[in-house]
Amino acid sequence: MIAIAKNIRISPQKLNLVASMIRGMNAQEASKLLSRIPKKAAGLLKKVVDSALANAVHNDNVEPSSLIIAELLSLKAPTLKRFRPISRGRAAPLLKRTSHIRLRLEAA
Protein backbone atom coordinates (compact mmCIF):
# COMPACT_ATOMS: atom_id res chain seq x y z
CA MET A 1 0.00 0.00 0.00
CA ILE A 2 2.00 2.89 -1.37
CA ALA A 3 1.35 6.49 -2.27
CA ILE A 4 3.84 8.72 -4.10
CA ALA A 5 3.80 12.45 -4.80
CA LYS A 6 6.44 13.80 -7.15
CA ASN A 7 7.91 17.24 -7.85
CA ILE A 8 6.29 18.95 -4.86
CA ARG A 9 7.36 22.61 -4.65
CA ILE A 10 8.79 22.54 -1.14
CA SER A 11 12.26 21.90 0.20
CA PRO A 12 12.91 18.33 1.43
CA GLN A 13 14.36 19.78 4.62
CA LYS A 14 11.12 21.61 5.47
CA LEU A 15 9.08 18.55 4.51
CA ASN A 16 11.16 16.30 6.74
CA LEU A 17 10.45 18.46 9.82
CA VAL A 18 6.77 17.52 9.65
CA ALA A 19 7.35 14.00 8.32
CA SER A 20 9.41 13.07 11.38
CA MET A 21 6.39 13.83 13.58
CA ILE A 22 4.18 11.17 11.96
CA ARG A 23 6.61 8.34 11.18
CA GLY A 24 5.43 5.11 12.81
CA MET A 25 1.99 6.49 13.72
CA ASN A 26 -1.40 5.05 12.95
CA ALA A 27 -2.38 6.40 9.52
CA GLN A 28 -5.79 7.74 10.55
CA GLU A 29 -4.36 9.49 13.62
CA ALA A 30 -1.58 10.96 11.47
CA SER A 31 -4.16 12.38 9.06
CA LYS A 32 -6.03 14.05 11.94
CA LEU A 33 -2.79 15.45 13.37
CA LEU A 34 -1.67 16.83 10.01
CA SER A 35 -4.93 18.74 9.57
CA ARG A 36 -4.07 20.72 12.73
CA ILE A 37 -0.44 21.61 11.95
CA PRO A 38 -0.16 25.12 10.44
CA LYS A 39 2.59 24.40 7.91
CA LYS A 40 2.55 23.99 4.14
CA ALA A 41 4.26 20.60 4.46
CA ALA A 42 1.45 19.30 6.67
CA GLY A 43 -1.17 19.88 4.00
CA LEU A 44 0.95 18.18 1.35
CA LEU A 45 1.65 15.18 3.59
CA LYS A 46 -2.03 14.90 4.53
CA LYS A 47 -2.95 14.49 0.86
CA VAL A 48 -0.41 11.67 0.48
CA VAL A 49 -1.56 9.91 3.68
CA ASP A 50 -5.21 10.12 2.60
CA SER A 51 -4.28 8.80 -0.84
CA ALA A 52 -2.43 5.84 0.70
CA LEU A 53 -5.42 5.07 2.93
CA ALA A 54 -7.77 5.17 -0.06
CA ASN A 55 -5.41 2.89 -2.03
CA ALA A 56 -5.34 0.40 0.84
CA VAL A 57 -9.12 0.29 1.19
CA HIS A 58 -9.92 0.21 -2.52
CA ASN A 59 -7.15 -2.03 -3.84
CA ASP A 60 -6.38 -4.37 -0.93
CA ASN A 61 -9.64 -4.34 1.11
CA VAL A 62 -7.77 -3.57 4.32
CA GLU A 63 -9.38 -2.03 7.41
CA PRO A 64 -8.01 1.57 7.60
CA SER A 65 -7.86 1.61 11.40
CA SER A 66 -5.23 -1.16 11.40
CA LEU A 67 -2.74 0.64 9.15
CA ILE A 68 0.48 2.23 10.37
CA ILE A 69 3.02 4.36 8.52
CA ALA A 70 5.89 1.95 7.90
CA GLU A 71 8.00 4.18 5.66
CA LEU A 72 7.86 7.89 4.92
CA LEU A 73 10.59 9.38 2.76
CA SER A 74 11.06 12.97 1.67
CA LEU A 75 13.49 12.75 -1.23
CA LYS A 76 15.28 15.44 -3.20
CA ALA A 77 13.79 16.18 -6.63
CA PRO A 78 15.21 18.33 -9.45
CA THR A 79 15.94 21.92 -8.42
CA LEU A 80 14.55 24.80 -10.46
CA LYS A 81 17.30 27.32 -11.16
CA ARG A 82 16.22 30.95 -11.39
CA PHE A 83 18.10 34.26 -11.22
CA ARG A 84 17.52 37.42 -9.23
CA PRO A 85 18.89 40.76 -10.37
CA ILE A 86 21.37 42.43 -8.03
CA SER A 87 23.44 45.60 -8.22
CA ARG A 88 25.66 46.60 -11.16
CA GLY A 89 23.67 44.57 -13.69
CA ARG A 90 24.63 41.23 -12.21
CA ALA A 91 22.43 38.24 -11.39
CA ALA A 92 22.37 36.07 -8.26
CA PRO A 93 21.25 32.44 -8.43
CA LEU A 94 17.96 31.48 -6.80
CA LEU A 95 17.39 27.76 -6.19
CA LYS A 96 13.80 26.62 -5.93
CA ARG A 97 13.97 23.17 -4.39
CA THR A 98 11.43 20.42 -5.00
CA SER A 99 10.69 17.10 -3.29
CA HIS A 100 9.32 13.63 -3.83
CA ILE A 101 7.22 12.00 -1.08
CA ARG A 102 7.03 8.20 -0.77
CA LEU A 103 4.70 6.68 1.83
CA ARG A 104 4.22 2.99 2.57
CA LEU A 105 1.55 1.63 4.92
CA GLU A 106 1.49 -1.75 6.65
CA ALA A 107 -1.16 -3.57 8.63
CA ALA A 108 -0.38 -3.60 12.34
PDB file of N, CA and C in Angstrom:
ATOM      1  N   MET A   1       0.838  -1.168   0.000  1.00  0.00           N
ATOM      2  CA  MET A   1       0.000   0.000   0.000  1.00  0.00           C
ATOM      3  C   MET A   1       0.884   1.233   0.000  1.00  0.00           C
ATOM      4  N   ILE A   2       1.038   1.808  -1.167  1.00  0.00           N
ATOM      5  CA  ILE A   2       2.000   2.892  -1.372  1.00  0.00           C
ATOM      6  C   ILE A   2       1.290   4.089  -1.973  1.00  0.00           C
ATOM      7  N   ALA A   3       1.773   5.259  -1.613  1.00  0.00           N
ATOM      8  CA  ALA A   3       1.349   6.495  -2.275  1.00  0.00           C
ATOM      9  C   ALA A   3       2.599   7.330  -2.520  1.00  0.00           C
ATOM     10  N   ILE A   4       2.676   7.928  -3.712  1.00  0.00           N
ATOM     11  CA  ILE A   4       3.842   8.720  -4.096  1.00  0.00           C
ATOM     12  C   ILE A   4       3.373  10.055  -4.645  1.00  0.00           C
ATOM     13  N   ALA A   5       4.038  11.127  -4.226  1.00  0.00           N
ATOM     14  CA  ALA A   5       3.803  12.455  -4.800  1.00  0.00           C
ATOM     15  C   ALA A   5       5.155  12.947  -5.308  1.00  0.00           C
ATOM     16  N   LYS A   6       5.178  13.391  -6.550  1.00  0.00           N
ATOM     17  CA  LYS A   6       6.445  13.803  -7.150  1.00  0.00           C
ATOM     18  C   LYS A   6       6.452  15.284  -7.475  1.00  0.00           C
ATOM     19  N   ASN A   7       7.648  15.847  -7.473  1.00  0.00           N
ATOM     20  CA  ASN A   7       7.908  17.243  -7.846  1.00  0.00           C
ATOM     21  C   ASN A   7       7.053  18.233  -7.055  1.00  0.00           C
ATOM     22  N   ILE A   8       7.014  18.049  -5.751  1.00  0.00           N
ATOM     23  CA  ILE A   8       6.290  18.949  -4.858  1.00  0.00           C
ATOM     24  C   ILE A   8       7.160  20.176  -4.635  1.00  0.00           C
ATOM     25  N   ARG A   9       6.594  21.353  -4.721  1.00  0.00           N
ATOM     26  CA  ARG A   9       7.358  22.608  -4.655  1.00  0.00           C
ATOM     27  C   ARG A   9       7.586  23.051  -3.211  1.00  0.00           C
ATOM     28  N   ILE A  10       8.374  22.228  -2.501  1.00  0.00           N
ATOM     29  CA  ILE A  10       8.786  22.544  -1.137  1.00  0.00           C
ATOM     30  C   ILE A  10      10.131  21.852  -0.903  1.00  0.00           C
ATOM     31  N   SER A  11      10.949  22.455  -0.092  1.00  0.00           N
ATOM     32  CA  SER A  11      12.261  21.900   0.202  1.00  0.00           C
ATOM     33  C   SER A  11      12.128  20.585   0.978  1.00  0.00           C
ATOM     34  N   PRO A  12      12.964  19.585   0.683  1.00  0.00           N
ATOM     35  CA  PRO A  12      12.907  18.327   1.433  1.00  0.00           C
ATOM     36  C   PRO A  12      13.212  18.525   2.913  1.00  0.00           C
ATOM     37  N   GLN A  13      14.021  19.503   3.229  1.00  0.00           N
ATOM     38  CA  GLN A  13      14.360  19.781   4.624  1.00  0.00           C
ATOM     39  C   GLN A  13      13.131  20.245   5.401  1.00  0.00           C
ATOM     40  N   LYS A  14      12.338  21.134   4.811  1.00  0.00           N
ATOM     41  CA  LYS A  14      11.117  21.609   5.465  1.00  0.00           C
ATOM     42  C   LYS A  14      10.078  20.499   5.550  1.00  0.00           C
ATOM     43  N   LEU A  15      10.023  19.665   4.538  1.00  0.00           N
ATOM     44  CA  LEU A  15       9.081  18.552   4.512  1.00  0.00           C
ATOM     45  C   LEU A  15       9.431  17.535   5.588  1.00  0.00           C
ATOM     46  N   ASN A  16      10.705  17.299   5.780  1.00  0.00           N
ATOM     47  CA  ASN A  16      11.161  16.298   6.742  1.00  0.00           C
ATOM     48  C   ASN A  16      10.871  16.703   8.185  1.00  0.00           C
ATOM     49  N   LEU A  17      10.779  18.011   8.461  1.00  0.00           N
ATOM     50  CA  LEU A  17      10.448  18.459   9.816  1.00  0.00           C
ATOM     51  C   LEU A  17       9.081  17.948  10.240  1.00  0.00           C
ATOM     52  N   VAL A  18       8.118  17.999   9.342  1.00  0.00           N
ATOM     53  CA  VAL A  18       6.771  17.524   9.651  1.00  0.00           C
ATOM     54  C   VAL A  18       6.687  16.012   9.510  1.00  0.00           C
ATOM     55  N   ALA A  19       7.398  15.440   8.541  1.00  0.00           N
ATOM     56  CA  ALA A  19       7.352  13.997   8.317  1.00  0.00           C
ATOM     57  C   ALA A  19       7.872  13.222   9.526  1.00  0.00           C
ATOM     58  N   SER A  20       8.856  13.766  10.221  1.00  0.00           N
ATOM     59  CA  SER A  20       9.410  13.075  11.380  1.00  0.00           C
ATOM     60  C   SER A  20       8.406  12.979  12.523  1.00  0.00           C
ATOM     61  N   MET A  21       7.403  13.857  12.525  1.00  0.00           N
ATOM     62  CA  MET A  21       6.386  13.830  13.580  1.00  0.00           C
ATOM     63  C   MET A  21       5.423  12.659  13.421  1.00  0.00           C
ATOM     64  N   ILE A  22       5.205  12.193  12.187  1.00  0.00           N
ATOM     65  CA  ILE A  22       4.177  11.169  11.962  1.00  0.00           C
ATOM     66  C   ILE A  22       4.733   9.800  11.594  1.00  0.00           C
ATOM     67  N   ARG A  23       6.038   9.653  11.505  1.00  0.00           N
ATOM     68  CA  ARG A  23       6.609   8.340  11.182  1.00  0.00           C
ATOM     69  C   ARG A  23       6.256   7.337  12.273  1.00  0.00           C
ATOM     70  N   GLY A  24       5.763   6.167  11.857  1.00  0.00           N
ATOM     71  CA  GLY A  24       5.433   5.111  12.808  1.00  0.00           C
ATOM     72  C   GLY A  24       4.059   5.237  13.437  1.00  0.00           C
ATOM     73  N   MET A  25       3.315   6.283  13.132  1.00  0.00           N
ATOM     74  CA  MET A  25       1.991   6.490  13.719  1.00  0.00           C
ATOM     75  C   MET A  25       0.935   5.677  12.983  1.00  0.00           C
ATOM     76  N   ASN A  26      -0.224   5.573  13.609  1.00  0.00           N
ATOM     77  CA  ASN A  26      -1.404   5.047  12.951  1.00  0.00           C
ATOM     78  C   ASN A  26      -1.775   6.028  11.840  1.00  0.00           C
ATOM     79  N   ALA A  27      -2.151   5.532  10.672  1.00  0.00           N
ATOM     80  CA  ALA A  27      -2.375   6.398   9.516  1.00  0.00           C
ATOM     81  C   ALA A  27      -3.558   7.346   9.714  1.00  0.00           C
ATOM     82  N   GLN A  28      -4.637   6.872  10.327  1.00  0.00           N
ATOM     83  CA  GLN A  28      -5.788   7.743  10.550  1.00  0.00           C
ATOM     84  C   GLN A  28      -5.479   8.833  11.567  1.00  0.00           C
ATOM     85  N   GLU A  29      -4.752   8.488  12.623  1.00  0.00           N
ATOM     86  CA  GLU A  29      -4.361   9.487  13.622  1.00  0.00           C
ATOM     87  C   GLU A  29      -3.408  10.505  13.009  1.00  0.00           C
ATOM     88  N   ALA A  30      -2.512  10.060  12.127  1.00  0.00           N
ATOM     89  CA  ALA A  30      -1.577  10.963  11.466  1.00  0.00           C
ATOM     90  C   ALA A  30      -2.328  11.958  10.584  1.00  0.00           C
ATOM     91  N   SER A  31      -3.368  11.499   9.905  1.00  0.00           N
ATOM     92  CA  SER A  31      -4.160  12.381   9.060  1.00  0.00           C
ATOM     93  C   SER A  31      -4.855  13.462   9.885  1.00  0.00           C
ATOM     94  N   LYS A  32      -5.385  13.073  11.050  1.00  0.00           N
ATOM     95  CA  LYS A  32      -6.031  14.047  11.938  1.00  0.00           C
ATOM     96  C   LYS A  32      -5.015  15.053  12.473  1.00  0.00           C
ATOM     97  N   LEU A  33      -3.831  14.563  12.840  1.00  0.00           N
ATOM     98  CA  LEU A  33      -2.793  15.448  13.368  1.00  0.00           C
ATOM     99  C   LEU A  33      -2.321  16.443  12.308  1.00  0.00           C
ATOM    100  N   LEU A  34      -2.152  15.968  11.086  1.00  0.00           N
ATOM    101  CA  LEU A  34      -1.668  16.833  10.010  1.00  0.00           C
ATOM    102  C   LEU A  34      -2.655  17.945   9.674  1.00  0.00           C
ATOM    103  N   SER A  35      -3.940  17.701   9.867  1.00  0.00           N
ATOM    104  CA  SER A  35      -4.925  18.743   9.571  1.00  0.00           C
ATOM    105  C   SER A  35      -4.847  19.891  10.566  1.00  0.00           C
ATOM    106  N   ARG A  36      -4.196  19.679  11.702  1.00  0.00           N
ATOM    107  CA  ARG A  36      -4.070  20.723  12.726  1.00  0.00           C
ATOM    108  C   ARG A  36      -2.752  21.483  12.691  1.00  0.00           C
ATOM    109  N   ILE A  37      -1.767  20.983  11.968  1.00  0.00           N
ATOM    110  CA  ILE A  37      -0.445  21.607  11.953  1.00  0.00           C
ATOM    111  C   ILE A  37      -0.440  22.748  10.934  1.00  0.00           C
ATOM    112  N   PRO A  38      -0.099  23.974  11.352  1.00  0.00           N
ATOM    113  CA  PRO A  38      -0.164  25.125  10.441  1.00  0.00           C
ATOM    114  C   PRO A  38       1.096  25.311   9.597  1.00  0.00           C
ATOM    115  N   LYS A  39       1.443  24.312   8.808  1.00  0.00           N
ATOM    116  CA  LYS A  39       2.587  24.401   7.914  1.00  0.00           C
ATOM    117  C   LYS A  39       2.182  23.897   6.536  1.00  0.00           C
ATOM    118  N   LYS A  40       2.834  24.409   5.509  1.00  0.00           N
ATOM    119  CA  LYS A  40       2.548  23.986   4.142  1.00  0.00           C
ATOM    120  C   LYS A  40       2.812  22.496   3.976  1.00  0.00           C
ATOM    121  N   ALA A  41       3.888  22.009   4.581  1.00  0.00           N
ATOM    122  CA  ALA A  41       4.263  20.600   4.457  1.00  0.00           C
ATOM    123  C   ALA A  41       3.192  19.684   5.026  1.00  0.00           C
ATOM    124  N   ALA A  42       2.490  20.127   6.053  1.00  0.00           N
ATOM    125  CA  ALA A  42       1.454  19.298   6.671  1.00  0.00           C
ATOM    126  C   ALA A  42       0.309  19.045   5.701  1.00  0.00           C
ATOM    127  N   GLY A  43      -0.101  20.058   4.977  1.00  0.00           N
ATOM    128  CA  GLY A  43      -1.169  19.880   3.995  1.00  0.00           C
ATOM    129  C   GLY A  43      -0.776  18.941   2.873  1.00  0.00           C
ATOM    130  N   LEU A  44       0.466  19.051   2.418  1.00  0.00           N
ATOM    131  CA  LEU A  44       0.948  18.177   1.348  1.00  0.00           C
ATOM    132  C   LEU A  44       1.043  16.725   1.819  1.00  0.00           C
ATOM    133  N   LEU A  45       1.539  16.531   3.047  1.00  0.00           N
ATOM    134  CA  LEU A  45       1.653  15.176   3.586  1.00  0.00           C
ATOM    135  C   LEU A  45       0.278  14.567   3.854  1.00  0.00           C
ATOM    136  N   LYS A  46      -0.677  15.392   4.269  1.00  0.00           N
ATOM    137  CA  LYS A  46      -2.034  14.898   4.527  1.00  0.00           C
ATOM    138  C   LYS A  46      -2.650  14.328   3.254  1.00  0.00           C
ATOM    139  N   LYS A  47      -2.423  14.996   2.126  1.00  0.00           N
ATOM    140  CA  LYS A  47      -2.951  14.489   0.857  1.00  0.00           C
ATOM    141  C   LYS A  47      -2.359  13.123   0.520  1.00  0.00           C
ATOM    142  N   VAL A  48      -1.073  12.945   0.793  1.00  0.00           N
ATOM    143  CA  VAL A  48      -0.412  11.674   0.485  1.00  0.00           C
ATOM    144  C   VAL A  48      -0.902  10.572   1.428  1.00  0.00           C
ATOM    145  N   VAL A  49      -1.063  10.900   2.717  1.00  0.00           N
ATOM    146  CA  VAL A  49      -1.556   9.909   3.683  1.00  0.00           C
ATOM    147  C   VAL A  49      -2.979   9.476   3.315  1.00  0.00           C
ATOM    148  N   ASP A  50      -3.831  10.443   2.983  1.00  0.00           N
ATOM    149  CA  ASP A  50      -5.206  10.121   2.601  1.00  0.00           C
ATOM    150  C   ASP A  50      -5.246   9.282   1.323  1.00  0.00           C
ATOM    151  N   SER A  51      -4.353   9.571   0.386  1.00  0.00           N
ATOM    152  CA  SER A  51      -4.279   8.795  -0.841  1.00  0.00           C
ATOM    153  C   SER A  51      -3.855   7.355  -0.555  1.00  0.00           C
ATOM    154  N   ALA A  52      -2.884   7.186   0.341  1.00  0.00           N
ATOM    155  CA  ALA A  52      -2.426   5.836   0.696  1.00  0.00           C
ATOM    156  C   ALA A  52      -3.536   5.057   1.401  1.00  0.00           C
ATOM    157  N   LEU A  53      -4.301   5.730   2.261  1.00  0.00           N
ATOM    158  CA  LEU A  53      -5.424   5.072   2.932  1.00  0.00           C
ATOM    159  C   LEU A  53      -6.477   4.631   1.911  1.00  0.00           C
ATOM    160  N   ALA A  54      -6.781   5.512   0.966  1.00  0.00           N
ATOM    161  CA  ALA A  54      -7.766   5.175  -0.065  1.00  0.00           C
ATOM    162  C   ALA A  54      -7.274   4.017  -0.930  1.00  0.00           C
ATOM    163  N   ASN A  55      -5.980   4.002  -1.256  1.00  0.00           N
ATOM    164  CA  ASN A  55      -5.410   2.895  -2.031  1.00  0.00           C
ATOM    165  C   ASN A  55      -5.538   1.579  -1.279  1.00  0.00           C
ATOM    166  N   ALA A  56      -5.283   1.610   0.028  1.00  0.00           N
ATOM    167  CA  ALA A  56      -5.337   0.395   0.839  1.00  0.00           C
ATOM    168  C   ALA A  56      -6.759  -0.154   0.906  1.00  0.00           C
ATOM    169  N   VAL A  57      -7.726   0.737   1.086  1.00  0.00           N
ATOM    170  CA  VAL A  57      -9.116   0.295   1.193  1.00  0.00           C
ATOM    171  C   VAL A  57      -9.633  -0.191  -0.155  1.00  0.00           C
ATOM    172  N   HIS A  58      -9.365   0.544  -1.204  1.00  0.00           N
ATOM    173  CA  HIS A  58      -9.918   0.211  -2.519  1.00  0.00           C
ATOM    174  C   HIS A  58      -9.223  -0.981  -3.168  1.00  0.00           C
ATOM    175  N   ASN A  59      -7.899  -0.999  -3.121  1.00  0.00           N
ATOM    176  CA  ASN A  59      -7.146  -2.030  -3.841  1.00  0.00           C
ATOM    177  C   ASN A  59      -6.957  -3.322  -3.053  1.00  0.00           C
ATOM    178  N   ASP A  60      -6.738  -3.199  -1.724  1.00  0.00           N
ATOM    179  CA  ASP A  60      -6.381  -4.375  -0.931  1.00  0.00           C
ATOM    180  C   ASP A  60      -7.440  -4.785   0.078  1.00  0.00           C
ATOM    181  N   ASN A  61      -8.553  -4.035   0.164  1.00  0.00           N
ATOM    182  CA  ASN A  61      -9.639  -4.340   1.109  1.00  0.00           C
ATOM    183  C   ASN A  61      -9.135  -4.491   2.540  1.00  0.00           C
ATOM    184  N   VAL A  62      -8.334  -3.548   2.981  1.00  0.00           N
ATOM    185  CA  VAL A  62      -7.765  -3.569   4.324  1.00  0.00           C
ATOM    186  C   VAL A  62      -8.534  -2.574   5.189  1.00  0.00           C
ATOM    187  N   GLU A  63      -8.710  -2.921   6.457  1.00  0.00           N
ATOM    188  CA  GLU A  63      -9.377  -2.027   7.406  1.00  0.00           C
ATOM    189  C   GLU A  63      -8.455  -0.830   7.691  1.00  0.00           C
ATOM    190  N   PRO A  64      -8.903   0.410   7.454  1.00  0.00           N
ATOM    191  CA  PRO A  64      -8.012   1.573   7.596  1.00  0.00           C
ATOM    192  C   PRO A  64      -7.531   1.826   9.028  1.00  0.00           C
ATOM    193  N   SER A  65      -8.278   1.359  10.025  1.00  0.00           N
ATOM    194  CA  SER A  65      -7.864   1.612  11.405  1.00  0.00           C
ATOM    195  C   SER A  65      -6.658   0.775  11.813  1.00  0.00           C
ATOM    196  N   SER A  66      -6.345  -0.281  11.052  1.00  0.00           N
ATOM    197  CA  SER A  66      -5.226  -1.156  11.405  1.00  0.00           C
ATOM    198  C   SER A  66      -3.924  -0.796  10.693  1.00  0.00           C
ATOM    199  N   LEU A  67      -3.913   0.291   9.936  1.00  0.00           N
ATOM    200  CA  LEU A  67      -2.735   0.636   9.148  1.00  0.00           C
ATOM    201  C   LEU A  67      -1.811   1.602   9.895  1.00  0.00           C
ATOM    202  N   ILE A  68      -0.515   1.331   9.805  1.00  0.00           N
ATOM    203  CA  ILE A  68       0.482   2.233  10.374  1.00  0.00           C
ATOM    204  C   ILE A  68       1.420   2.699   9.256  1.00  0.00           C
ATOM    205  N   ILE A  69       2.071   3.818   9.494  1.00  0.00           N
ATOM    206  CA  ILE A  69       3.018   4.360   8.520  1.00  0.00           C
ATOM    207  C   ILE A  69       4.352   3.639   8.721  1.00  0.00           C
ATOM    208  N   ALA A  70       4.670   2.749   7.797  1.00  0.00           N
ATOM    209  CA  ALA A  70       5.892   1.948   7.901  1.00  0.00           C
ATOM    210  C   ALA A  70       7.096   2.700   7.349  1.00  0.00           C
ATOM    211  N   GLU A  71       6.887   3.468   6.291  1.00  0.00           N
ATOM    212  CA  GLU A  71       7.996   4.185   5.659  1.00  0.00           C
ATOM    213  C   GLU A  71       7.483   5.509   5.124  1.00  0.00           C
ATOM    214  N   LEU A  72       8.199   6.569   5.431  1.00  0.00           N
ATOM    215  CA  LEU A  72       7.859   7.892   4.919  1.00  0.00           C
ATOM    216  C   LEU A  72       9.157   8.591   4.547  1.00  0.00           C
ATOM    217  N   LEU A  73       9.365   8.775   3.247  1.00  0.00           N
ATOM    218  CA  LEU A  73      10.594   9.378   2.760  1.00  0.00           C
ATOM    219  C   LEU A  73      10.299  10.716   2.105  1.00  0.00           C
ATOM    220  N   SER A  74      11.118  11.704   2.404  1.00  0.00           N
ATOM    221  CA  SER A  74      11.060  12.967   1.665  1.00  0.00           C
ATOM    222  C   SER A  74      12.382  13.061   0.905  1.00  0.00           C
ATOM    223  N   LEU A  75      12.306  12.842  -0.386  1.00  0.00           N
ATOM    224  CA  LEU A  75      13.493  12.748  -1.228  1.00  0.00           C
ATOM    225  C   LEU A  75      13.686  14.014  -2.045  1.00  0.00           C
ATOM    226  N   LYS A  76      14.932  14.262  -2.408  1.00  0.00           N
ATOM    227  CA  LYS A  76      15.275  15.439  -3.204  1.00  0.00           C
ATOM    228  C   LYS A  76      14.873  15.218  -4.658  1.00  0.00           C
ATOM    229  N   ALA A  77      14.208  16.208  -5.229  1.00  0.00           N
ATOM    230  CA  ALA A  77      13.791  16.176  -6.633  1.00  0.00           C
ATOM    231  C   ALA A  77      14.607  17.227  -7.389  1.00  0.00           C
ATOM    232  N   PRO A  78      14.449  17.329  -8.695  1.00  0.00           N
ATOM    233  CA  PRO A  78      15.212  18.332  -9.445  1.00  0.00           C
ATOM    234  C   PRO A  78      14.961  19.752  -8.942  1.00  0.00           C
ATOM    235  N   THR A  79      16.020  20.546  -8.897  1.00  0.00           N
ATOM    236  CA  THR A  79      15.943  21.923  -8.424  1.00  0.00           C
ATOM    237  C   THR A  79      15.728  22.865  -9.601  1.00  0.00           C
ATOM    238  N   LEU A  80      14.779  23.792  -9.439  1.00  0.00           N
ATOM    239  CA  LEU A  80      14.551  24.804 -10.459  1.00  0.00           C
ATOM    240  C   LEU A  80      15.552  25.934 -10.247  1.00  0.00           C
ATOM    241  N   LYS A  81      16.273  26.286 -11.281  1.00  0.00           N
ATOM    242  CA  LYS A  81      17.301  27.322 -11.156  1.00  0.00           C
ATOM    243  C   LYS A  81      16.779  28.611 -11.777  1.00  0.00           C
ATOM    244  N   ARG A  82      16.696  29.639 -10.961  1.00  0.00           N
ATOM    245  CA  ARG A  82      16.223  30.949 -11.395  1.00  0.00           C
ATOM    246  C   ARG A  82      17.283  31.979 -11.026  1.00  0.00           C
ATOM    247  N   PHE A  83      17.135  33.210 -11.531  1.00  0.00           N
ATOM    248  CA  PHE A  83      18.098  34.262 -11.220  1.00  0.00           C
ATOM    249  C   PHE A  83      17.380  35.497 -10.720  1.00  0.00           C
ATOM    250  N   ARG A  84      18.059  36.211  -9.822  1.00  0.00           N
ATOM    251  CA  ARG A  84      17.518  37.416  -9.226  1.00  0.00           C
ATOM    252  C   ARG A  84      18.480  38.552  -9.542  1.00  0.00           C
ATOM    253  N   PRO A  85      17.982  39.662 -10.061  1.00  0.00           N
ATOM    254  CA  PRO A  85      18.887  40.763 -10.373  1.00  0.00           C
ATOM    255  C   PRO A  85      19.440  41.406  -9.095  1.00  0.00           C
ATOM    256  N   ILE A  86      20.743  41.705  -9.133  1.00  0.00           N
ATOM    257  CA  ILE A  86      21.373  42.433  -8.029  1.00  0.00           C
ATOM    258  C   ILE A  86      22.095  43.643  -8.619  1.00  0.00           C
ATOM    259  N   SER A  87      22.842  44.329  -7.799  1.00  0.00           N
ATOM    260  CA  SER A  87      23.438  45.599  -8.220  1.00  0.00           C
ATOM    261  C   SER A  87      24.456  45.437  -9.354  1.00  0.00           C
ATOM    262  N   ARG A  88      24.686  46.513 -10.073  1.00  0.00           N
ATOM    263  CA  ARG A  88      25.659  46.601 -11.164  1.00  0.00           C
ATOM    264  C   ARG A  88      25.337  45.657 -12.326  1.00  0.00           C
ATOM    265  N   GLY A  89      24.070  45.374 -12.544  1.00  0.00           N
ATOM    266  CA  GLY A  89      23.668  44.573 -13.688  1.00  0.00           C
ATOM    267  C   GLY A  89      23.984  43.105 -13.580  1.00  0.00           C
ATOM    268  N   ARG A  90      24.301  42.639 -12.395  1.00  0.00           N
ATOM    269  CA  ARG A  90      24.625  41.226 -12.213  1.00  0.00           C
ATOM    270  C   ARG A  90      23.370  40.431 -11.869  1.00  0.00           C
ATOM    271  N   ALA A  91      23.531  39.120 -11.765  1.00  0.00           N
ATOM    272  CA  ALA A  91      22.432  38.242 -11.386  1.00  0.00           C
ATOM    273  C   ALA A  91      22.910  37.260 -10.323  1.00  0.00           C
ATOM    274  N   ALA A  92      22.064  37.027  -9.321  1.00  0.00           N
ATOM    275  CA  ALA A  92      22.372  36.072  -8.262  1.00  0.00           C
ATOM    276  C   ALA A  92      21.494  34.837  -8.455  1.00  0.00           C
ATOM    277  N   PRO A  93      22.050  33.657  -8.254  1.00  0.00           N
ATOM    278  CA  PRO A  93      21.250  32.443  -8.434  1.00  0.00           C
ATOM    279  C   PRO A  93      20.192  32.304  -7.336  1.00  0.00           C
ATOM    280  N   LEU A  94      19.058  31.749  -7.722  1.00  0.00           N
ATOM    281  CA  LEU A  94      17.959  31.479  -6.805  1.00  0.00           C
ATOM    282  C   LEU A  94      17.537  30.038  -7.046  1.00  0.00           C
ATOM    283  N   LEU A  95      17.698  29.180  -6.044  1.00  0.00           N
ATOM    284  CA  LEU A  95      17.389  27.761  -6.190  1.00  0.00           C
ATOM    285  C   LEU A  95      16.032  27.458  -5.586  1.00  0.00           C
ATOM    286  N   LYS A  96      15.126  26.992  -6.403  1.00  0.00           N
ATOM    287  CA  LYS A  96      13.796  26.622  -5.931  1.00  0.00           C
ATOM    288  C   LYS A  96      13.768  25.101  -5.830  1.00  0.00           C
ATOM    289  N   ARG A  97      13.842  24.603  -4.616  1.00  0.00           N
ATOM    290  CA  ARG A  97      13.975  23.169  -4.389  1.00  0.00           C
ATOM    291  C   ARG A  97      12.621  22.461  -4.438  1.00  0.00           C
ATOM    292  N   THR A  98      12.637  21.228  -4.924  1.00  0.00           N
ATOM    293  CA  THR A  98      11.430  20.423  -4.997  1.00  0.00           C
ATOM    294  C   THR A  98      11.686  19.067  -4.334  1.00  0.00           C
ATOM    295  N   SER A  99      10.597  18.353  -4.036  1.00  0.00           N
ATOM    296  CA  SER A  99      10.695  17.102  -3.292  1.00  0.00           C
ATOM    297  C   SER A  99       9.825  16.024  -3.903  1.00  0.00           C
ATOM    298  N   HIS A 100      10.165  14.781  -3.572  1.00  0.00           N
ATOM    299  CA  HIS A 100       9.318  13.626  -3.827  1.00  0.00           C
ATOM    300  C   HIS A 100       8.930  13.077  -2.459  1.00  0.00           C
ATOM    301  N   ILE A 101       7.683  12.625  -2.325  1.00  0.00           N
ATOM    302  CA  ILE A 101       7.217  12.001  -1.084  1.00  0.00           C
ATOM    303  C   ILE A 101       6.851  10.563  -1.403  1.00  0.00           C
ATOM    304  N   ARG A 102       7.364   9.630  -0.613  1.00  0.00           N
ATOM    305  CA  ARG A 102       7.030   8.204  -0.774  1.00  0.00           C
ATOM    306  C   ARG A 102       6.544   7.684   0.576  1.00  0.00           C
ATOM    307  N   LEU A 103       5.332   7.157   0.590  1.00  0.00           N
ATOM    308  CA  LEU A 103       4.697   6.681   1.827  1.00  0.00           C
ATOM    309  C   LEU A 103       4.261   5.245   1.642  1.00  0.00           C
ATOM    310  N   ARG A 104       4.617   4.404   2.612  1.00  0.00           N
ATOM    311  CA  ARG A 104       4.220   2.992   2.573  1.00  0.00           C
ATOM    312  C   ARG A 104       3.511   2.650   3.876  1.00  0.00           C
ATOM    313  N   LEU A 105       2.324   2.047   3.765  1.00  0.00           N
ATOM    314  CA  LEU A 105       1.545   1.627   4.924  1.00  0.00           C
ATOM    315  C   LEU A 105       1.625   0.120   5.089  1.00  0.00           C
ATOM    316  N   GLU A 106       1.534  -0.328   6.346  1.00  0.00           N
ATOM    317  CA  GLU A 106       1.494  -1.748   6.653  1.00  0.00           C
ATOM    318  C   GLU A 106       0.395  -2.011   7.673  1.00  0.00           C
ATOM    319  N   ALA A 107      -0.161  -3.186   7.639  1.00  0.00           N
ATOM    320  CA  ALA A 107      -1.164  -3.567   8.626  1.00  0.00           C
ATOM    321  C   ALA A 107      -0.458  -3.901   9.936  1.00  0.00           C
ATOM    322  N   ALA A 108      -1.016  -3.392  11.018  1.00  0.00           N
ATOM    323  CA  ALA A 108      -0.384  -3.595  12.341  1.00  0.00           C
ATOM    324  C   ALA A 108      -0.624  -4.995  12.870  1.00  0.00           C
TER     325      ALA A 108
END
